[in-house]
Amino acid sequence: MSNLAEIEAAADALPPEQKQELMLFLAARLRAQGARMPDPRKFTREQTAAWIAEDEADMQRFREGK
């Protein structure tokens, strides 16, 4: 594999357990190279409330079989 597209395709073909292992491997390599964690994202109360309402509506549709 010589480019990111090939690596992404190979990673996509992995089973979930191996994808998780790959993520942990990459995170460890990034930390070892001094990579910085991204700053935490901040959301407004309105955004959070909208996501919760959407999630609850989705659950209701699921329960109704829609």
C-alpha atoms as a PDB file:
ATOM      1  CA  MET A   1       0.000   0.000   0.000  1.00  0.00           C
ATOM      2  CA  SER A   2       1.497   3.223  -1.081  1.00  0.00           C
ATOM      3  CA  ASN A   3      -1.186   5.849  -0.643  1.00  0.00           C
ATOM      4  CA  LEU A   4      -3.879   6.878   1.782  1.00  0.00           C
ATOM      5  CA  ALA A   5      -6.742   5.707  -0.462  1.00  0.00           C
ATOM      6  CA  GLU A   6      -5.332   2.158  -0.488  1.00  0.00           C
ATOM      7  CA  ILE A   7      -4.813   2.219   3.276  1.00  0.00           C
ATOM      8  CA  GLU A   8      -8.356   3.496   3.831  1.00  0.00           C
ATOM      9  CA  ALA A   9      -9.788   0.748   1.608  1.00  0.00           C
ATOM     10  CA  ALA A  10      -7.802  -1.902   3.475  1.00  0.00           C
ATOM     11  CA  ALA A  11      -8.888  -0.502   6.852  1.00  0.00           C
ATOM     12  CA  ASP A  12     -12.518  -0.470   5.695  1.00  0.00           C
ATOM     13  CA  ALA A  13     -12.285  -4.197   4.948  1.00  0.00           C
ATOM     14  CA  LEU A  14     -11.145  -5.048   8.498  1.00  0.00           C
ATOM     15  CA  PRO A  15     -13.532  -6.540  11.034  1.00  0.00           C
ATOM     16  CA  PRO A  16     -14.589  -4.178  13.855  1.00  0.00           C
ATOM     17  CA  GLU A  17     -12.146  -5.643  16.395  1.00  0.00           C
ATOM     18  CA  GLN A  18      -9.183  -5.053  14.088  1.00  0.00           C
ATOM     19  CA  LYS A  19     -10.385  -1.541  13.251  1.00  0.00           C
ATOM     20  CA  GLN A  20     -10.350  -0.759  16.958  1.00  0.00           C
ATOM     21  CA  GLU A  21      -6.868  -2.252  17.284  1.00  0.00           C
ATOM     22  CA  LEU A  22      -5.714  -0.102  14.356  1.00  0.00           C
ATOM     23  CA  MET A  23      -7.160   3.023  15.978  1.00  0.00           C
ATOM     24  CA  LEU A  24      -5.317   2.294  19.224  1.00  0.00           C
ATOM     25  CA  PHE A  25      -2.098   1.658  17.291  1.00  0.00           C
ATOM     26  CA  LEU A  26      -2.393   4.960  15.426  1.00  0.00           C
ATOM     27  CA  ALA A  27      -3.245   6.875  18.602  1.00  0.00           C
ATOM     28  CA  ALA A  28      -0.190   5.438  20.347  1.00  0.00           C
ATOM     29  CA  ARG A  29       2.035   6.417  17.415  1.00  0.00           C
ATOM     30  CA  LEU A  30       0.636   9.951  17.377  1.00  0.00           C
ATOM     31  CA  ARG A  31       1.205  10.347  21.117  1.00  0.00           C
ATOM     32  CA  ALA A  32       4.759   9.027  20.778  1.00  0.00           C
ATOM     33  CA  GLN A  33       5.435  11.648  18.101  1.00  0.00           C
ATOM     34  CA  GLY A  34       4.144  14.419  20.342  1.00  0.00           C
ATOM     35  CA  ALA A  35       0.848  14.961  18.560  1.00  0.00           C
ATOM     36  CA  ARG A  36      -1.509  17.186  20.512  1.00  0.00           C
ATOM     37  CA  MET A  37      -5.101  16.275  21.235  1.00  0.00           C
ATOM     38  CA  PRO A  38      -7.635  18.575  19.596  1.00  0.00           C
ATOM     39  CA  ASP A  39      -9.317  21.089  21.860  1.00  0.00           C
ATOM     40  CA  PRO A  40     -12.685  19.931  23.200  1.00  0.00           C
ATOM     41  CA  ARG A  41     -15.644  21.009  21.119  1.00  0.00           C
ATOM     42  CA  LYS A  42     -18.200  23.249  22.762  1.00  0.00           C
ATOM     43  CA  PHE A  43     -21.908  23.010  22.054  1.00  0.00           C
ATOM     44  CA  THR A  44     -24.712  25.304  23.075  1.00  0.00           C
ATOM     45  CA  ARG A  45     -27.591  24.130  25.234  1.00  0.00           C
ATOM     46  CA  GLU A  46     -29.832  24.569  22.195  1.00  0.00           C
ATOM     47  CA  GLN A  47     -27.687  22.252  20.068  1.00  0.00           C
ATOM     48  CA  THR A  48     -27.635  19.627  22.790  1.00  0.00           C
ATOM     49  CA  ALA A  49     -31.393  19.885  23.328  1.00  0.00           C
ATOM     50  CA  ALA A  50     -31.999  19.537  19.585  1.00  0.00           C
ATOM     51  CA  TRP A  51     -29.840  16.387  19.407  1.00  0.00           C
ATOM     52  CA  ILE A  52     -31.641  14.864  22.370  1.00  0.00           C
ATOM     53  CA  ALA A  53     -35.052  15.663  20.860  1.00  0.00           C
ATOM     54  CA  GLU A  54     -33.973  14.155  17.533  1.00  0.00           C
ATOM     55  CA  ASP A  55     -32.690  11.045  19.279  1.00  0.00           C
ATOM     56  CA  GLU A  56     -35.911  10.649  21.231  1.00  0.00           C
ATOM     57  CA  ALA A  57     -37.990  11.072  18.065  1.00  0.00           C
ATOM     58  CA  ASP A  58     -35.847   8.458  16.306  1.00  0.00           C
ATOM     59  CA  MET A  59     -36.353   6.055  19.200  1.00  0.00           C
ATOM     60  CA  GLN A  60     -40.108   6.597  19.083  1.00  0.00           C
ATOM     61  CA  ARG A  61     -40.167   5.866  15.335  1.00  0.00           C
ATOM     62  CA  PHE A  62     -38.071   2.758  15.946  1.00  0.00           C
ATOM     63  CA  ARG A  63     -40.482   1.518  18.605  1.00  0.00           C
ATOM     64  CA  GLU A  64     -43.405   2.117  16.261  1.00  0.00           C
ATOM     65  CA  GLY A  65     -41.652   0.160  13.528  1.00  0.00           C
ATOM     66  CA  LYS A  66     -41.412   3.093  11.115  1.00  0.00           C
END
